[in-house]
Amino acid sequence: MTSSTLLAQLRAVLQLTNTEIQIAETRVVQARTDAVRAELTQNASNGRARADAIESTLRDLGGLPDVVGPLVGRTLALFKTLAEQAQPFDEALLGDLALEQQLLGRSKYVKALATAAKEPAAVALADRLIRAHTATVEWLETVLAEDARGGPAALRRTPLQAAAGGAVKIVNAPAAWSARGLDRALDAASSTPNRLGELLGRGAHASDIAARTLAASRDAALEAAEDVTREEGVDGVADAIHSARAAGGILDADELPIEDYDTLNVSESVAAIKDLTDSSDIRTIVAFEEAHKNRHGVISAAQTRLASIAQDVISVD
């Protein structure tokens, strides 16, 4: 008689697999590129195929699949998705990673149980599950490494996750942002020469620029603010403004880490990106590309380069 433990573990894996399917489907909308979107869609499809294989194996072993299991799995995934909207992005991904690691561990346990029970079909199924979950664990670890280096990761933050992440950064702000540091920033802003005030005044009153968009005015104001704060010697504030401009894709072309980037075609841009070794430089190019030409081939190449750098970071010699 097949071990009841083996049957119980297969049912548990089936329930977790249904949770995994639901999560993969919800992650599709967060995909940064078409390639990642296609990969996540395929992952959900592969998950459904694995769920079918688990159910078939359960029947062959004389067990009955848990009818309630799929519903429970998808319900748990729904609650997880809703709950993590109030979490920072990294915590949501760590939750996904914990699920995959549990699936991997249980799959290895299923293999051991199936081997002891002399059930070759169940052993083959376990091998299939182990390969799939090992690959997913490695992918999630890479996405987390990309996020640790500042992204952009393969997945986008939702607006709520971005807000939650910002709140965490504020709470954990370094001691350097002391009252004195804030005073210096405020002093720089209050003692700003007429350049910024003149810029904003022209934006509000001069008829020759009245038709400019709000975004353009914002971009110009940020650039002016960066120049002014750097002239005032508040380099920390200037660097923060520059990072915000880079993340928003609103740097001037001559500020990009690739020379004459705005003149390069797709193949030339891809070749230049492959030569970059600094993740922040690649992030700057991605943000600029998304804000301007938005060439999917270039963005995908940048994402691939970021993933390669991230994998090097988490690899162990």
C-alpha atoms as a PDB file:
ATOM      1  CA  MET A   1       0.000   0.000   0.000  1.00  0.00           C
ATOM      2  CA  THR A   2       1.331   3.425  -0.951  1.00  0.00           C
ATOM      3  CA  SER A   3       2.464   5.462   2.038  1.00  0.00           C
ATOM      4  CA  SER A   4      -0.247   7.750   3.342  1.00  0.00           C
ATOM      5  CA  THR A   5       2.505  10.300   3.961  1.00  0.00           C
ATOM      6  CA  LEU A   6       3.310  10.355   0.238  1.00  0.00           C
ATOM      7  CA  LEU A   7      -0.334  10.968  -0.624  1.00  0.00           C
ATOM      8  CA  ALA A   8      -0.604  13.704   1.998  1.00  0.00           C
ATOM      9  CA  GLN A   9       2.490  15.444   0.686  1.00  0.00           C
ATOM     10  CA  LEU A  10       1.244  15.280  -2.903  1.00  0.00           C
ATOM     11  CA  ARG A  11      -2.010  16.920  -1.817  1.00  0.00           C
ATOM     12  CA  ALA A  12      -0.070  19.627   0.012  1.00  0.00           C
ATOM     13  CA  VAL A  13       2.098  20.242  -3.057  1.00  0.00           C
ATOM     14  CA  LEU A  14      -1.033  20.433  -5.199  1.00  0.00           C
ATOM     15  CA  GLN A  15      -2.553  23.108  -2.958  1.00  0.00           C
ATOM     16  CA  LEU A  16       0.671  25.129  -2.965  1.00  0.00           C
ATOM     17  CA  THR A  17       0.939  24.731  -6.741  1.00  0.00           C
ATOM     18  CA  ASN A  18      -2.498  26.286  -7.164  1.00  0.00           C
ATOM     19  CA  THR A  19      -1.327  29.188  -5.022  1.00  0.00           C
ATOM     20  CA  GLU A  20       1.759  29.474  -7.228  1.00  0.00           C
ATOM     21  CA  ILE A  21      -0.385  29.557 -10.387  1.00  0.00           C
ATOM     22  CA  GLN A  22      -2.527  32.394  -9.061  1.00  0.00           C
ATOM     23  CA  ILE A  23       0.523  34.416  -8.036  1.00  0.00           C
ATOM     24  CA  ALA A  24       2.177  33.942 -11.436  1.00  0.00           C
ATOM     25  CA  GLU A  25      -1.012  35.207 -13.103  1.00  0.00           C
ATOM     26  CA  THR A  26      -1.124  38.304 -10.881  1.00  0.00           C
ATOM     27  CA  ARG A  27       2.584  39.007 -11.479  1.00  0.00           C
ATOM     28  CA  VAL A  28       2.001  39.200 -15.255  1.00  0.00           C
ATOM     29  CA  VAL A  29       0.649  42.747 -14.936  1.00  0.00           C
ATOM     30  CA  GLN A  30       3.838  43.774 -13.102  1.00  0.00           C
ATOM     31  CA  ALA A  31       6.158  42.548 -15.868  1.00  0.00           C
ATOM     32  CA  ARG A  32       8.555  45.249 -17.043  1.00  0.00           C
ATOM     33  CA  THR A  33       9.101  43.838 -20.539  1.00  0.00           C
ATOM     34  CA  ASP A  34       7.187  41.711 -23.014  1.00  0.00           C
ATOM     35  CA  ALA A  35       9.779  38.949 -22.552  1.00  0.00           C
ATOM     36  CA  VAL A  36       9.176  38.831 -18.786  1.00  0.00           C
ATOM     37  CA  ARG A  37       5.412  38.985 -19.351  1.00  0.00           C
ATOM     38  CA  ALA A  38       5.620  36.025 -21.712  1.00  0.00           C
ATOM     39  CA  GLU A  39       7.802  34.141 -19.223  1.00  0.00           C
ATOM     40  CA  LEU A  40       5.340  34.671 -16.375  1.00  0.00           C
ATOM     41  CA  THR A  41       2.407  33.671 -18.573  1.00  0.00           C
ATOM     42  CA  GLN A  42       4.291  30.499 -19.498  1.00  0.00           C
ATOM     43  CA  ASN A  43       5.080  29.872 -15.828  1.00  0.00           C
ATOM     44  CA  ALA A  44       1.375  29.986 -14.980  1.00  0.00           C
ATOM     45  CA  SER A  45       0.653  27.568 -17.832  1.00  0.00           C
ATOM     46  CA  ASN A  46       3.458  25.251 -16.678  1.00  0.00           C
ATOM     47  CA  GLY A  47       2.047  25.403 -13.158  1.00  0.00           C
ATOM     48  CA  ARG A  48      -1.352  24.270 -14.394  1.00  0.00           C
ATOM     49  CA  ALA A  49       0.322  21.395 -16.244  1.00  0.00           C
ATOM     50  CA  ARG A  50       2.161  20.394 -13.046  1.00  0.00           C
ATOM     51  CA  ALA A  51      -1.100  20.552 -11.081  1.00  0.00           C
ATOM     52  CA  ASP A  52      -2.710  18.210 -13.617  1.00  0.00           C
ATOM     53  CA  ALA A  53       0.258  15.834 -13.352  1.00  0.00           C
ATOM     54  CA  ILE A  54       0.034  15.811  -9.547  1.00  0.00           C
ATOM     55  CA  GLU A  55      -3.695  15.039  -9.675  1.00  0.00           C
ATOM     56  CA  SER A  56      -3.054  12.221 -12.158  1.00  0.00           C
ATOM     57  CA  THR A  57      -0.333  10.750  -9.957  1.00  0.00           C
ATOM     58  CA  LEU A  58      -2.598  10.913  -6.916  1.00  0.00           C
ATOM     59  CA  ARG A  59      -5.272   8.950  -8.774  1.00  0.00           C
ATOM     60  CA  ASP A  60      -2.753   6.377 -10.028  1.00  0.00           C
ATOM     61  CA  LEU A  61      -1.566   5.844  -6.467  1.00  0.00           C
ATOM     62  CA  GLY A  62      -5.092   5.197  -5.290  1.00  0.00           C
ATOM     63  CA  GLY A  63      -5.585   8.538  -3.641  1.00  0.00           C
ATOM     64  CA  LEU A  64      -8.208  11.138  -4.377  1.00  0.00           C
ATOM     65  CA  PRO A  65      -7.193  14.717  -5.174  1.00  0.00           C
ATOM     66  CA  ASP A  66      -8.458  17.223  -2.680  1.00  0.00           C
ATOM     67  CA  VAL A  67     -11.426  18.882  -4.382  1.00  0.00           C
ATOM     68  CA  VAL A  68     -11.208  21.865  -2.048  1.00  0.00           C
ATOM     69  CA  GLY A  69      -7.433  22.209  -2.490  1.00  0.00           C
ATOM     70  CA  PRO A  70      -7.391  24.265  -5.709  1.00  0.00           C
ATOM     71  CA  LEU A  71      -9.981  26.664  -4.323  1.00  0.00           C
ATOM     72  CA  VAL A  72      -8.053  27.027  -1.071  1.00  0.00           C
ATOM     73  CA  GLY A  73      -4.799  27.572  -2.956  1.00  0.00           C
ATOM     74  CA  ARG A  74      -6.220  30.303  -5.140  1.00  0.00           C
ATOM     75  CA  THR A  75      -7.981  31.933  -2.195  1.00  0.00           C
ATOM     76  CA  LEU A  76      -4.733  32.026  -0.230  1.00  0.00           C
ATOM     77  CA  ALA A  77      -2.997  33.556  -3.235  1.00  0.00           C
ATOM     78  CA  LEU A  78      -5.701  36.201  -3.493  1.00  0.00           C
ATOM     79  CA  PHE A  79      -5.285  37.155   0.164  1.00  0.00           C
ATOM     80  CA  LYS A  80      -1.513  37.176  -0.279  1.00  0.00           C
ATOM     81  CA  THR A  81      -1.769  39.487  -3.260  1.00  0.00           C
ATOM     82  CA  LEU A  82      -4.068  41.885  -1.434  1.00  0.00           C
ATOM     83  CA  ALA A  83      -1.969  41.876   1.739  1.00  0.00           C
ATOM     84  CA  GLU A  84       1.329  42.490  -0.010  1.00  0.00           C
ATOM     85  CA  GLN A  85       0.048  45.688  -1.612  1.00  0.00           C
ATOM     86  CA  ALA A  86       0.773  47.283   1.756  1.00  0.00           C
ATOM     87  CA  GLN A  87       4.244  45.714   1.847  1.00  0.00           C
ATOM     88  CA  PRO A  88       7.461  46.981   0.298  1.00  0.00           C
ATOM     89  CA  PHE A  89       8.296  45.331  -3.016  1.00  0.00           C
ATOM     90  CA  ASP A  90      11.147  43.266  -1.582  1.00  0.00           C
ATOM     91  CA  GLU A  91       8.919  41.777   1.132  1.00  0.00           C
ATOM     92  CA  ALA A  92       6.386  40.694  -1.501  1.00  0.00           C
ATOM     93  CA  LEU A  93       9.130  38.978  -3.503  1.00  0.00           C
ATOM     94  CA  LEU A  94      10.521  37.330  -0.373  1.00  0.00           C
ATOM     95  CA  GLY A  95       7.047  35.913   0.222  1.00  0.00           C
ATOM     96  CA  ASP A  96       7.066  34.474  -3.312  1.00  0.00           C
ATOM     97  CA  LEU A  97      10.531  33.046  -2.678  1.00  0.00           C
ATOM     98  CA  ALA A  98       9.398  31.414   0.576  1.00  0.00           C
ATOM     99  CA  LEU A  99       6.543  29.711  -1.296  1.00  0.00           C
ATOM    100  CA  GLU A 100       8.885  28.389  -3.990  1.00  0.00           C
ATOM    101  CA  GLN A 101      11.409  27.172  -1.427  1.00  0.00           C
ATOM    102  CA  GLN A 102       8.642  25.310   0.403  1.00  0.00           C
ATOM    103  CA  LEU A 103       7.524  23.741  -2.865  1.00  0.00           C
ATOM    104  CA  LEU A 104      11.124  22.757  -3.605  1.00  0.00           C
ATOM    105  CA  GLY A 105      11.606  21.225  -0.172  1.00  0.00           C
ATOM    106  CA  ARG A 106       8.343  19.313  -0.328  1.00  0.00           C
ATOM    107  CA  SER A 107       9.156  18.069  -3.845  1.00  0.00           C
ATOM    108  CA  LYS A 108      12.440  16.635  -2.586  1.00  0.00           C
ATOM    109  CA  TYR A 109      10.583  15.010   0.294  1.00  0.00           C
ATOM    110  CA  VAL A 110       8.066  13.543  -2.158  1.00  0.00           C
ATOM    111  CA  LYS A 111      10.942  12.064  -4.155  1.00  0.00           C
ATOM    112  CA  ALA A 112      12.370  10.439  -1.050  1.00  0.00           C
ATOM    113  CA  LEU A 113       8.960   9.036  -0.081  1.00  0.00           C
ATOM    114  CA  ALA A 114       8.270   7.809  -3.629  1.00  0.00           C
ATOM    115  CA  THR A 115      11.680   6.159  -3.809  1.00  0.00           C
ATOM    116  CA  ALA A 116      11.062   4.362  -0.532  1.00  0.00           C
ATOM    117  CA  ALA A 117       7.612   3.281  -1.742  1.00  0.00           C
ATOM    118  CA  LYS A 118       9.087   2.068  -5.052  1.00  0.00           C
ATOM    119  CA  GLU A 119       6.791   4.298  -7.126  1.00  0.00           C
ATOM    120  CA  PRO A 120       8.829   5.276 -10.225  1.00  0.00           C
ATOM    121  CA  ALA A 121       6.079   7.445 -11.709  1.00  0.00           C
ATOM    122  CA  ALA A 122       5.947   9.519  -8.526  1.00  0.00           C
ATOM    123  CA  VAL A 123       9.751   9.751  -8.518  1.00  0.00           C
ATOM    124  CA  ALA A 124       9.669  11.083 -12.089  1.00  0.00           C
ATOM    125  CA  LEU A 125       7.014  13.623 -11.098  1.00  0.00           C
ATOM    126  CA  ALA A 126       9.113  14.728  -8.139  1.00  0.00           C
ATOM    127  CA  ASP A 127      12.143  15.208 -10.403  1.00  0.00           C
ATOM    128  CA  ARG A 128      10.020  17.377 -12.683  1.00  0.00           C
ATOM    129  CA  LEU A 129       8.846  19.469  -9.734  1.00  0.00           C
ATOM    130  CA  ILE A 130      12.355  19.831  -8.345  1.00  0.00           C
ATOM    131  CA  ARG A 131      13.696  21.150 -11.660  1.00  0.00           C
ATOM    132  CA  ALA A 132      10.837  23.624 -12.025  1.00  0.00           C
ATOM    133  CA  HIS A 133      11.022  25.039  -8.509  1.00  0.00           C
ATOM    134  CA  THR A 134      14.826  25.206  -8.524  1.00  0.00           C
ATOM    135  CA  ALA A 135      14.648  27.370 -11.647  1.00  0.00           C
ATOM    136  CA  THR A 136      11.981  29.618 -10.106  1.00  0.00           C
ATOM    137  CA  VAL A 137      13.946  30.026  -6.865  1.00  0.00           C
ATOM    138  CA  GLU A 138      17.007  31.081  -8.866  1.00  0.00           C
ATOM    139  CA  TRP A 139      14.909  33.544 -10.909  1.00  0.00           C
ATOM    140  CA  LEU A 140      13.389  35.139  -7.803  1.00  0.00           C
ATOM    141  CA  GLU A 141      16.805  35.399  -6.154  1.00  0.00           C
ATOM    142  CA  THR A 142      18.044  37.204  -9.255  1.00  0.00           C
ATOM    143  CA  VAL A 143      15.078  39.607  -9.219  1.00  0.00           C
ATOM    144  CA  LEU A 144      15.760  40.359  -5.548  1.00  0.00           C
ATOM    145  CA  ALA A 145      19.434  40.962  -6.306  1.00  0.00           C
ATOM    146  CA  GLU A 146      18.437  43.354  -9.084  1.00  0.00           C
ATOM    147  CA  ASP A 147      16.160  45.195  -6.661  1.00  0.00           C
ATOM    148  CA  ALA A 148      18.934  45.316  -4.041  1.00  0.00           C
ATOM    149  CA  ARG A 149      21.154  47.047  -6.584  1.00  0.00           C
ATOM    150  CA  GLY A 150      18.436  49.581  -7.290  1.00  0.00           C
ATOM    151  CA  GLY A 151      16.580  47.857 -10.129  1.00  0.00           C
ATOM    152  CA  PRO A 152      14.829  48.083 -12.401  1.00  0.00           C
ATOM    153  CA  ALA A 153      13.895  44.522 -11.636  1.00  0.00           C
ATOM    154  CA  ALA A 154      12.023  42.278 -14.036  1.00  0.00           C
ATOM    155  CA  LEU A 155       8.858  43.199 -12.130  1.00  0.00           C
ATOM    156  CA  ARG A 156       7.480  46.677 -11.500  1.00  0.00           C
ATOM    157  CA  ARG A 157       6.317  47.869  -8.111  1.00  0.00           C
ATOM    158  CA  THR A 158       2.639  48.614  -7.809  1.00  0.00           C
ATOM    159  CA  PRO A 159       1.885  52.205  -6.688  1.00  0.00           C
ATOM    160  CA  LEU A 160       1.049  50.970  -3.184  1.00  0.00           C
ATOM    161  CA  GLN A 161       4.272  48.970  -2.975  1.00  0.00           C
ATOM    162  CA  ALA A 162       6.259  52.005  -4.098  1.00  0.00           C
ATOM    163  CA  ALA A 163       4.617  54.077  -1.383  1.00  0.00           C
ATOM    164  CA  ALA A 164       5.270  51.394   1.220  1.00  0.00           C
ATOM    165  CA  GLY A 165       8.892  51.142   0.171  1.00  0.00           C
ATOM    166  CA  GLY A 166       9.276  54.892   0.432  1.00  0.00           C
ATOM    167  CA  ALA A 167       7.802  54.849   3.927  1.00  0.00           C
ATOM    168  CA  VAL A 168      10.296  52.193   5.014  1.00  0.00           C
ATOM    169  CA  LYS A 169      13.168  54.257   3.659  1.00  0.00           C
ATOM    170  CA  ILE A 170      11.967  57.287   5.584  1.00  0.00           C
ATOM    171  CA  VAL A 171      11.668  55.298   8.814  1.00  0.00           C
ATOM    172  CA  ASN A 172      15.119  53.809   8.302  1.00  0.00           C
ATOM    173  CA  ALA A 173      16.707  57.046   7.088  1.00  0.00           C
ATOM    174  CA  PRO A 174      20.388  57.291   8.077  1.00  0.00           C
ATOM    175  CA  ALA A 175      21.463  59.497  10.922  1.00  0.00           C
ATOM    176  CA  ALA A 176      23.067  61.826   8.397  1.00  0.00           C
ATOM    177  CA  TRP A 177      19.595  63.240   7.807  1.00  0.00           C
ATOM    178  CA  SER A 178      19.736  64.922  11.188  1.00  0.00           C
ATOM    179  CA  ALA A 179      18.208  68.255  12.084  1.00  0.00           C
ATOM    180  CA  ARG A 180      21.439  69.885  10.993  1.00  0.00           C
ATOM    181  CA  GLY A 181      21.341  68.129   7.638  1.00  0.00           C
ATOM    182  CA  LEU A 182      17.753  69.166   7.091  1.00  0.00           C
ATOM    183  CA  ASP A 183      18.606  72.718   8.131  1.00  0.00           C
ATOM    184  CA  ARG A 184      21.329  72.821   5.498  1.00  0.00           C
ATOM    185  CA  ALA A 185      18.910  71.604   2.844  1.00  0.00           C
ATOM    186  CA  LEU A 186      16.342  74.199   3.897  1.00  0.00           C
ATOM    187  CA  ASP A 187      19.000  76.903   3.973  1.00  0.00           C
ATOM    188  CA  ALA A 188      20.036  75.959   0.456  1.00  0.00           C
ATOM    189  CA  ALA A 189      16.452  76.144  -0.724  1.00  0.00           C
ATOM    190  CA  SER A 190      15.767  79.463   1.035  1.00  0.00           C
ATOM    191  CA  SER A 191      19.019  81.020  -0.164  1.00  0.00           C
ATOM    192  CA  THR A 192      18.572  79.838  -3.713  1.00  0.00           C
ATOM    193  CA  PRO A 193      19.566  82.607  -6.116  1.00  0.00           C
ATOM    194  CA  ASN A 194      16.987  84.073  -8.386  1.00  0.00           C
ATOM    195  CA  ARG A 195      17.587  81.381 -11.000  1.00  0.00           C
ATOM    196  CA  LEU A 196      15.005  78.943  -9.669  1.00  0.00           C
ATOM    197  CA  GLY A 197      12.534  81.659  -8.715  1.00  0.00           C
ATOM    198  CA  GLU A 198      12.965  83.270 -12.106  1.00  0.00           C
ATOM    199  CA  LEU A 199      12.405  79.929 -13.805  1.00  0.00           C
ATOM    200  CA  LEU A 200       9.189  79.285 -11.892  1.00  0.00           C
ATOM    201  CA  GLY A 201       8.068  82.891 -12.400  1.00  0.00           C
ATOM    202  CA  ARG A 202       8.547  82.655 -16.128  1.00  0.00           C
ATOM    203  CA  GLY A 203       6.654  79.364 -16.114  1.00  0.00           C
ATOM    204  CA  ALA A 204       3.723  81.034 -14.379  1.00  0.00           C
ATOM    205  CA  HIS A 205       3.628  84.413 -16.097  1.00  0.00           C
ATOM    206  CA  ALA A 206       5.586  84.654 -19.333  1.00  0.00           C
ATOM    207  CA  SER A 207       3.388  84.241 -22.362  1.00  0.00           C
ATOM    208  CA  ASP A 208       6.158  82.692 -24.476  1.00  0.00           C
ATOM    209  CA  ILE A 209       6.239  79.542 -22.301  1.00  0.00           C
ATOM    210  CA  ALA A 210       2.645  79.482 -21.089  1.00  0.00           C
ATOM    211  CA  ALA A 211       1.894  76.513 -23.355  1.00  0.00           C
ATOM    212  CA  ARG A 212       4.633  74.294 -21.948  1.00  0.00           C
ATOM    213  CA  THR A 213       3.462  71.174 -20.211  1.00  0.00           C
ATOM    214  CA  LEU A 214       3.617  70.750 -16.471  1.00  0.00           C
ATOM    215  CA  ALA A 215       6.019  67.853 -16.897  1.00  0.00           C
ATOM    216  CA  ALA A 216       8.465  69.993 -18.834  1.00  0.00           C
ATOM    217  CA  SER A 217       8.329  72.692 -16.176  1.00  0.00           C
ATOM    218  CA  ARG A 218       8.928  70.090 -13.493  1.00  0.00           C
ATOM    219  CA  ASP A 219      11.913  68.647 -15.341  1.00  0.00           C
ATOM    220  CA  ALA A 220      13.475  72.058 -15.831  1.00  0.00           C
ATOM    221  CA  ALA A 221      12.848  72.952 -12.202  1.00  0.00           C
ATOM    222  CA  LEU A 222      14.537  69.775 -11.006  1.00  0.00           C
ATOM    223  CA  GLU A 223      17.551  70.407 -13.209  1.00  0.00           C
ATOM    224  CA  ALA A 224      17.817  73.974 -11.934  1.00  0.00           C
ATOM    225  CA  ALA A 225      17.385  72.787  -8.336  1.00  0.00           C
ATOM    226  CA  GLU A 226      20.215  70.289  -8.785  1.00  0.00           C
ATOM    227  CA  ASP A 227      22.526  72.971 -10.162  1.00  0.00           C
ATOM    228  CA  VAL A 228      21.669  75.406  -7.387  1.00  0.00           C
ATOM    229  CA  THR A 229      22.057  72.970  -4.505  1.00  0.00           C
ATOM    230  CA  ARG A 230      25.385  71.757  -5.885  1.00  0.00           C
ATOM    231  CA  GLU A 231      26.592  75.352  -6.165  1.00  0.00           C
ATOM    232  CA  GLU A 232      25.512  75.828  -2.549  1.00  0.00           C
ATOM    233  CA  GLY A 233      27.704  72.906  -1.551  1.00  0.00           C
ATOM    234  CA  VAL A 234      24.845  70.625  -0.476  1.00  0.00           C
ATOM    235  CA  ASP A 235      26.098  67.699  -2.533  1.00  0.00           C
ATOM    236  CA  GLY A 236      23.929  65.139  -0.757  1.00  0.00           C
ATOM    237  CA  VAL A 237      20.762  66.951  -1.757  1.00  0.00           C
ATOM    238  CA  ALA A 238      22.080  67.539  -5.278  1.00  0.00           C
ATOM    239  CA  ASP A 239      22.917  63.849  -5.636  1.00  0.00           C
ATOM    240  CA  ALA A 240      19.411  62.913  -4.461  1.00  0.00           C
ATOM    241  CA  ILE A 241      17.875  65.258  -7.032  1.00  0.00           C
ATOM    242  CA  HIS A 242      20.131  63.844  -9.738  1.00  0.00           C
ATOM    243  CA  SER A 243      19.105  60.289  -8.788  1.00  0.00           C
ATOM    244  CA  ALA A 244      15.448  61.302  -8.981  1.00  0.00           C
ATOM    245  CA  ARG A 245      16.004  62.805 -12.423  1.00  0.00           C
ATOM    246  CA  ALA A 246      17.830  59.675 -13.580  1.00  0.00           C
ATOM    247  CA  ALA A 247      15.081  57.386 -12.215  1.00  0.00           C
ATOM    248  CA  GLY A 248      12.457  59.486 -13.997  1.00  0.00           C
ATOM    249  CA  GLY A 249      14.298  59.348 -17.311  1.00  0.00           C
ATOM    250  CA  ILE A 250      14.589  63.141 -17.447  1.00  0.00           C
ATOM    251  CA  LEU A 251      18.343  63.536 -17.724  1.00  0.00           C
ATOM    252  CA  ASP A 252      19.670  65.368 -20.745  1.00  0.00           C
ATOM    253  CA  ALA A 253      21.214  63.150 -23.397  1.00  0.00           C
ATOM    254  CA  ASP A 254      24.707  64.476 -22.629  1.00  0.00           C
ATOM    255  CA  GLU A 255      24.308  63.313 -18.996  1.00  0.00           C
ATOM    256  CA  LEU A 256      23.821  59.661 -19.963  1.00  0.00           C
ATOM    257  CA  PRO A 257      26.565  57.080 -19.338  1.00  0.00           C
ATOM    258  CA  ILE A 258      26.646  56.161 -23.048  1.00  0.00           C
ATOM    259  CA  GLU A 259      28.066  58.823 -25.318  1.00  0.00           C
ATOM    260  CA  ASP A 260      25.734  60.062 -28.067  1.00  0.00           C
ATOM    261  CA  TYR A 261      23.100  57.563 -26.885  1.00  0.00           C
ATOM    262  CA  ASP A 262      20.225  59.506 -28.435  1.00  0.00           C
ATOM    263  CA  THR A 263      21.744  58.995 -31.897  1.00  0.00           C
ATOM    264  CA  LEU A 264      22.186  55.196 -31.635  1.00  0.00           C
ATOM    265  CA  ASN A 265      19.889  52.712 -33.343  1.00  0.00           C
ATOM    266  CA  VAL A 266      18.623  49.580 -31.587  1.00  0.00           C
ATOM    267  CA  SER A 267      21.583  47.302 -32.375  1.00  0.00           C
ATOM    268  CA  GLU A 268      24.094  50.010 -31.460  1.00  0.00           C
ATOM    269  CA  SER A 269      22.268  50.742 -28.218  1.00  0.00           C
ATOM    270  CA  VAL A 270      22.177  47.051 -27.291  1.00  0.00           C
ATOM    271  CA  ALA A 271      25.902  46.683 -27.986  1.00  0.00           C
ATOM    272  CA  ALA A 272      26.700  49.723 -25.855  1.00  0.00           C
ATOM    273  CA  ILE A 273      24.557  48.457 -22.965  1.00  0.00           C
ATOM    274  CA  LYS A 274      26.391  45.125 -22.969  1.00  0.00           C
ATOM    275  CA  ASP A 275      29.609  47.044 -22.241  1.00  0.00           C
ATOM    276  CA  LEU A 276      28.171  48.691 -19.111  1.00  0.00           C
ATOM    277  CA  THR A 277      29.267  47.207 -15.781  1.00  0.00           C
ATOM    278  CA  ASP A 278      27.572  49.572 -13.321  1.00  0.00           C
ATOM    279  CA  SER A 279      23.947  48.757 -12.497  1.00  0.00           C
ATOM    280  CA  SER A 280      23.140  52.412 -11.852  1.00  0.00           C
ATOM    281  CA  ASP A 281      24.291  53.298 -15.369  1.00  0.00           C
ATOM    282  CA  ILE A 282      22.039  50.623 -16.838  1.00  0.00           C
ATOM    283  CA  ARG A 283      19.095  51.824 -14.729  1.00  0.00           C
ATOM    284  CA  THR A 284      19.674  55.343 -16.022  1.00  0.00           C
ATOM    285  CA  ILE A 285      19.573  54.110 -19.622  1.00  0.00           C
ATOM    286  CA  VAL A 286      16.398  52.072 -19.003  1.00  0.00           C
ATOM    287  CA  ALA A 287      14.604  55.036 -17.432  1.00  0.00           C
ATOM    288  CA  PHE A 288      15.666  57.346 -20.284  1.00  0.00           C
ATOM    289  CA  GLU A 289      14.634  54.771 -22.881  1.00  0.00           C
ATOM    290  CA  GLU A 290      11.226  54.187 -21.287  1.00  0.00           C
ATOM    291  CA  ALA A 291      10.598  57.928 -21.087  1.00  0.00           C
ATOM    292  CA  HIS A 292      11.605  58.637 -24.685  1.00  0.00           C
ATOM    293  CA  LYS A 293      11.882  56.075 -27.499  1.00  0.00           C
ATOM    294  CA  ASN A 294      10.661  53.091 -25.422  1.00  0.00           C
ATOM    295  CA  ARG A 295      12.277  50.520 -27.704  1.00  0.00           C
ATOM    296  CA  HIS A 296      11.398  47.107 -26.273  1.00  0.00           C
ATOM    297  CA  GLY A 297      14.490  45.420 -27.718  1.00  0.00           C
ATOM    298  CA  VAL A 298      16.752  47.889 -25.952  1.00  0.00           C
ATOM    299  CA  ILE A 299      14.891  47.621 -22.638  1.00  0.00           C
ATOM    300  CA  SER A 300      14.979  43.816 -22.788  1.00  0.00           C
ATOM    301  CA  ALA A 301      18.718  43.886 -23.486  1.00  0.00           C
ATOM    302  CA  ALA A 302      19.238  46.176 -20.506  1.00  0.00           C
ATOM    303  CA  GLN A 303      17.148  43.879 -18.320  1.00  0.00           C
ATOM    304  CA  THR A 304      19.212  40.892 -19.442  1.00  0.00           C
ATOM    305  CA  ARG A 305      22.422  42.757 -18.606  1.00  0.00           C
ATOM    306  CA  LEU A 306      21.085  43.692 -15.160  1.00  0.00           C
ATOM    307  CA  ALA A 307      20.104  40.080 -14.513  1.00  0.00           C
ATOM    308  CA  SER A 308      23.600  38.943 -15.459  1.00  0.00           C
ATOM    309  CA  ILE A 309      25.185  41.414 -13.041  1.00  0.00           C
ATOM    310  CA  ALA A 310      22.733  40.418 -10.302  1.00  0.00           C
ATOM    311  CA  GLN A 311      23.495  36.733 -10.786  1.00  0.00           C
ATOM    312  CA  ASP A 312      27.219  37.478 -10.409  1.00  0.00           C
ATOM    313  CA  VAL A 313      26.460  39.257  -7.139  1.00  0.00           C
ATOM    314  CA  ILE A 314      24.601  36.319  -5.555  1.00  0.00           C
ATOM    315  CA  SER A 315      26.829  33.567  -6.940  1.00  0.00           C
ATOM    316  CA  VAL A 316      29.113  31.771  -4.527  1.00  0.00           C
ATOM    317  CA  ASP A 317      32.583  30.723  -5.653  1.00  0.00           C
END
